[in-house]
Amino acid sequence: MDSQVISGHIEESFKVREPELQRYLQVACKIESYFLGITTKAIPRAENSEVDEIAKAIAQYLPLSPDVFYKVLHQPLTNSEPKCPKLINAIKGADWHTPIIAFLKGHYEPDSKEENNRM
């Protein structure tokens, strides 16, 4: 699915024609009600090649590098009610404060004993 189409649906600049996409848009709108708003950005295909390669690899069950995380959904997202997020840890920019704040809030566990002592 093209990010421009999805972004257009959410921003209401494109009309949703397919019933399945309409159900996904309804889920997105329900989730949006838990936030102050959602901002979308369409990324041109020329700048999105890495994501495209990852999506193709996942679809073909090819091995991925260890830094790629994904979740296989066993049923469409549209078959369930969205749950209110219990906790959101928004990180606007990473600097030396970020891991310390995440650690203090209980969102980060150091990988080594040295890192744990530093925290």
C-alpha atoms as a PDB file:
ATOM      1  CA  MET A   1       0.000   0.000   0.000  1.00  0.00           C
ATOM      2  CA  ASP A   2       1.278   3.384  -0.936  1.00  0.00           C
ATOM      3  CA  SER A   3       1.951   5.783   1.960  1.00  0.00           C
ATOM      4  CA  GLN A   4       0.460   8.651  -0.055  1.00  0.00           C
ATOM      5  CA  VAL A   5      -2.874   6.808  -0.259  1.00  0.00           C
ATOM      6  CA  ILE A   6      -2.937   6.017   3.458  1.00  0.00           C
ATOM      7  CA  SER A   7      -1.894   9.539   4.381  1.00  0.00           C
ATOM      8  CA  GLY A   8      -4.566  10.918   2.064  1.00  0.00           C
ATOM      9  CA  HIS A   9      -7.225   8.760   3.694  1.00  0.00           C
ATOM     10  CA  ILE A  10      -6.306   9.877   7.199  1.00  0.00           C
ATOM     11  CA  GLU A  11      -5.960  13.549   6.224  1.00  0.00           C
ATOM     12  CA  GLU A  12      -9.258  13.231   4.265  1.00  0.00           C
ATOM     13  CA  SER A  13      -7.756  14.502   1.012  1.00  0.00           C
ATOM     14  CA  PHE A  14      -8.429  11.126  -0.694  1.00  0.00           C
ATOM     15  CA  LYS A  15     -11.720   9.273  -0.717  1.00  0.00           C
ATOM     16  CA  VAL A  16     -11.661   5.676   0.528  1.00  0.00           C
ATOM     17  CA  ARG A  17     -13.139   3.388  -2.119  1.00  0.00           C
ATOM     18  CA  GLU A  18     -12.253  -0.124  -0.943  1.00  0.00           C
ATOM     19  CA  PRO A  19     -14.328  -1.589   1.934  1.00  0.00           C
ATOM     20  CA  GLU A  20     -11.273  -3.142   3.651  1.00  0.00           C
ATOM     21  CA  LEU A  21      -9.430   0.184   3.619  1.00  0.00           C
ATOM     22  CA  GLN A  22     -12.562   1.863   5.023  1.00  0.00           C
ATOM     23  CA  ARG A  23     -12.457  -0.538   7.987  1.00  0.00           C
ATOM     24  CA  TYR A  24      -8.768   0.275   8.574  1.00  0.00           C
ATOM     25  CA  LEU A  25      -9.540   3.987   8.430  1.00  0.00           C
ATOM     26  CA  GLN A  26     -12.288   3.513  11.032  1.00  0.00           C
ATOM     27  CA  VAL A  27      -9.797   1.758  13.330  1.00  0.00           C
ATOM     28  CA  ALA A  28      -7.264   4.560  12.795  1.00  0.00           C
ATOM     29  CA  CYS A  29      -9.910   7.174  13.655  1.00  0.00           C
ATOM     30  CA  LYS A  30     -10.813   5.318  16.865  1.00  0.00           C
ATOM     31  CA  ILE A  31      -7.159   5.137  17.855  1.00  0.00           C
ATOM     32  CA  GLU A  32      -6.742   8.830  17.049  1.00  0.00           C
ATOM     33  CA  SER A  33      -9.374   9.668  19.674  1.00  0.00           C
ATOM     34  CA  TYR A  34      -6.847   8.655  22.358  1.00  0.00           C
ATOM     35  CA  PHE A  35      -4.367  11.285  21.168  1.00  0.00           C
ATOM     36  CA  LEU A  36      -4.371  15.011  20.530  1.00  0.00           C
ATOM     37  CA  GLY A  37      -4.055  14.199  16.832  1.00  0.00           C
ATOM     38  CA  ILE A  38      -2.188  12.154  14.287  1.00  0.00           C
ATOM     39  CA  THR A  39       0.178  13.529  11.699  1.00  0.00           C
ATOM     40  CA  THR A  40       0.918  11.546   8.585  1.00  0.00           C
ATOM     41  CA  LYS A  41       3.591  12.022   5.980  1.00  0.00           C
ATOM     42  CA  ALA A  42       3.700  10.419   2.569  1.00  0.00           C
ATOM     43  CA  ILE A  43       7.192   9.220   1.736  1.00  0.00           C
ATOM     44  CA  PRO A  44       8.083   9.042  -1.967  1.00  0.00           C
ATOM     45  CA  ARG A  45       8.865   5.541  -3.201  1.00  0.00           C
ATOM     46  CA  ALA A  46      12.379   6.616  -4.158  1.00  0.00           C
ATOM     47  CA  GLU A  47      13.069   7.442  -0.486  1.00  0.00           C
ATOM     48  CA  ASN A  48      11.270   4.364   0.849  1.00  0.00           C
ATOM     49  CA  SER A  49      13.294   1.539  -0.707  1.00  0.00           C
ATOM     50  CA  GLU A  50      14.569   0.112   2.605  1.00  0.00           C
ATOM     51  CA  VAL A  51      11.055  -0.269   4.011  1.00  0.00           C
ATOM     52  CA  ASP A  52       9.882  -1.770   0.721  1.00  0.00           C
ATOM     53  CA  GLU A  53      12.689  -4.360   0.833  1.00  0.00           C
ATOM     54  CA  ILE A  54      11.842  -5.274   4.435  1.00  0.00           C
ATOM     55  CA  ALA A  55       8.141  -5.682   3.607  1.00  0.00           C
ATOM     56  CA  LYS A  56       8.961  -7.927   0.647  1.00  0.00           C
ATOM     57  CA  ALA A  57      11.356 -10.028   2.759  1.00  0.00           C
ATOM     58  CA  ILE A  58       8.722 -10.494   5.464  1.00  0.00           C
ATOM     59  CA  ALA A  59       6.071 -11.460   2.905  1.00  0.00           C
ATOM     60  CA  GLN A  60       8.448 -14.057   1.400  1.00  0.00           C
ATOM     61  CA  TYR A  61       9.630 -15.373   4.805  1.00  0.00           C
ATOM     62  CA  LEU A  62      13.227 -14.421   4.050  1.00  0.00           C
ATOM     63  CA  PRO A  63      15.768 -13.967   6.877  1.00  0.00           C
ATOM     64  CA  LEU A  64      16.087 -10.431   8.220  1.00  0.00           C
ATOM     65  CA  SER A  65      18.832  -8.629  10.065  1.00  0.00           C
ATOM     66  CA  PRO A  66      18.516  -8.754  13.884  1.00  0.00           C
ATOM     67  CA  ASP A  67      17.681  -5.035  14.120  1.00  0.00           C
ATOM     68  CA  VAL A  68      14.395  -5.456  12.197  1.00  0.00           C
ATOM     69  CA  PHE A  69      11.376  -5.969  14.443  1.00  0.00           C
ATOM     70  CA  TYR A  70       7.930  -6.893  13.199  1.00  0.00           C
ATOM     71  CA  LYS A  71       4.829  -8.683  14.383  1.00  0.00           C
ATOM     72  CA  VAL A  72       2.799 -11.169  12.390  1.00  0.00           C
ATOM     73  CA  LEU A  73      -0.911 -10.529  12.798  1.00  0.00           C
ATOM     74  CA  HIS A  74      -2.983 -13.709  12.775  1.00  0.00           C
ATOM     75  CA  GLN A  75      -6.188 -11.800  12.186  1.00  0.00           C
ATOM     76  CA  PRO A  76      -6.779  -8.436  10.573  1.00  0.00           C
ATOM     77  CA  LEU A  77      -6.602  -5.429  12.847  1.00  0.00           C
ATOM     78  CA  THR A  78     -10.090  -4.552  11.685  1.00  0.00           C
ATOM     79  CA  ASN A  79     -11.539  -7.647  13.412  1.00  0.00           C
ATOM     80  CA  SER A  80     -10.980  -6.273  16.895  1.00  0.00           C
ATOM     81  CA  GLU A  81     -11.689  -3.119  18.837  1.00  0.00           C
ATOM     82  CA  PRO A  82      -8.651  -0.920  19.395  1.00  0.00           C
ATOM     83  CA  LYS A  83      -7.523  -0.821  22.989  1.00  0.00           C
ATOM     84  CA  CYS A  84      -6.719   2.367  24.796  1.00  0.00           C
ATOM     85  CA  PRO A  85      -2.931   2.633  25.071  1.00  0.00           C
ATOM     86  CA  LYS A  86      -1.835   2.106  28.653  1.00  0.00           C
ATOM     87  CA  LEU A  87       1.501   3.822  28.264  1.00  0.00           C
ATOM     88  CA  ILE A  88       3.147   5.832  25.562  1.00  0.00           C
ATOM     89  CA  ASN A  89       6.817   6.681  25.782  1.00  0.00           C
ATOM     90  CA  ALA A  90       7.322   9.336  23.129  1.00  0.00           C
ATOM     91  CA  ILE A  91      10.945  10.093  22.338  1.00  0.00           C
ATOM     92  CA  LYS A  92      11.277  13.242  20.271  1.00  0.00           C
ATOM     93  CA  GLY A  93      15.031  13.137  19.940  1.00  0.00           C
ATOM     94  CA  ALA A  94      17.790  10.937  21.231  1.00  0.00           C
ATOM     95  CA  ASP A  95      20.562  12.441  23.301  1.00  0.00           C
ATOM     96  CA  TRP A  96      22.346  11.411  26.488  1.00  0.00           C
ATOM     97  CA  HIS A  97      19.206  12.158  28.550  1.00  0.00           C
ATOM     98  CA  THR A  98      16.967   9.740  26.643  1.00  0.00           C
ATOM     99  CA  PRO A  99      18.108   6.384  28.080  1.00  0.00           C
ATOM    100  CA  ILE A 100      18.341   7.817  31.602  1.00  0.00           C
ATOM    101  CA  ILE A 101      14.791   9.166  31.519  1.00  0.00           C
ATOM    102  CA  ALA A 102      13.507   5.915  30.004  1.00  0.00           C
ATOM    103  CA  PHE A 103      15.342   3.940  32.719  1.00  0.00           C
ATOM    104  CA  LEU A 104      13.870   6.097  35.507  1.00  0.00           C
ATOM    105  CA  LYS A 105      10.375   5.648  34.087  1.00  0.00           C
ATOM    106  CA  GLY A 106      10.883   1.872  33.857  1.00  0.00           C
ATOM    107  CA  HIS A 107      10.869   1.728  30.047  1.00  0.00           C
ATOM    108  CA  TYR A 108      14.503   0.748  29.532  1.00  0.00           C
ATOM    109  CA  GLU A 109      16.588  -2.100  30.852  1.00  0.00           C
ATOM    110  CA  PRO A 110      20.351  -1.831  30.367  1.00  0.00           C
ATOM    111  CA  ASP A 111      22.046  -4.586  28.371  1.00  0.00           C
ATOM    112  CA  SER A 112      25.060  -4.931  30.642  1.00  0.00           C
ATOM    113  CA  LYS A 113      25.968  -4.687  34.314  1.00  0.00           C
ATOM    114  CA  GLU A 114      28.193  -1.686  33.581  1.00  0.00           C
ATOM    115  CA  GLU A 115      25.328   0.130  31.891  1.00  0.00           C
ATOM    116  CA  ASN A 116      23.030  -0.744  34.789  1.00  0.00           C
ATOM    117  CA  ASN A 117      25.553   0.688  37.288  1.00  0.00           C
ATOM    118  CA  ARG A 118      25.890   3.832  35.181  1.00  0.00           C
ATOM    119  CA  MET A 119      22.151   4.378  35.335  1.00  0.00           C
END
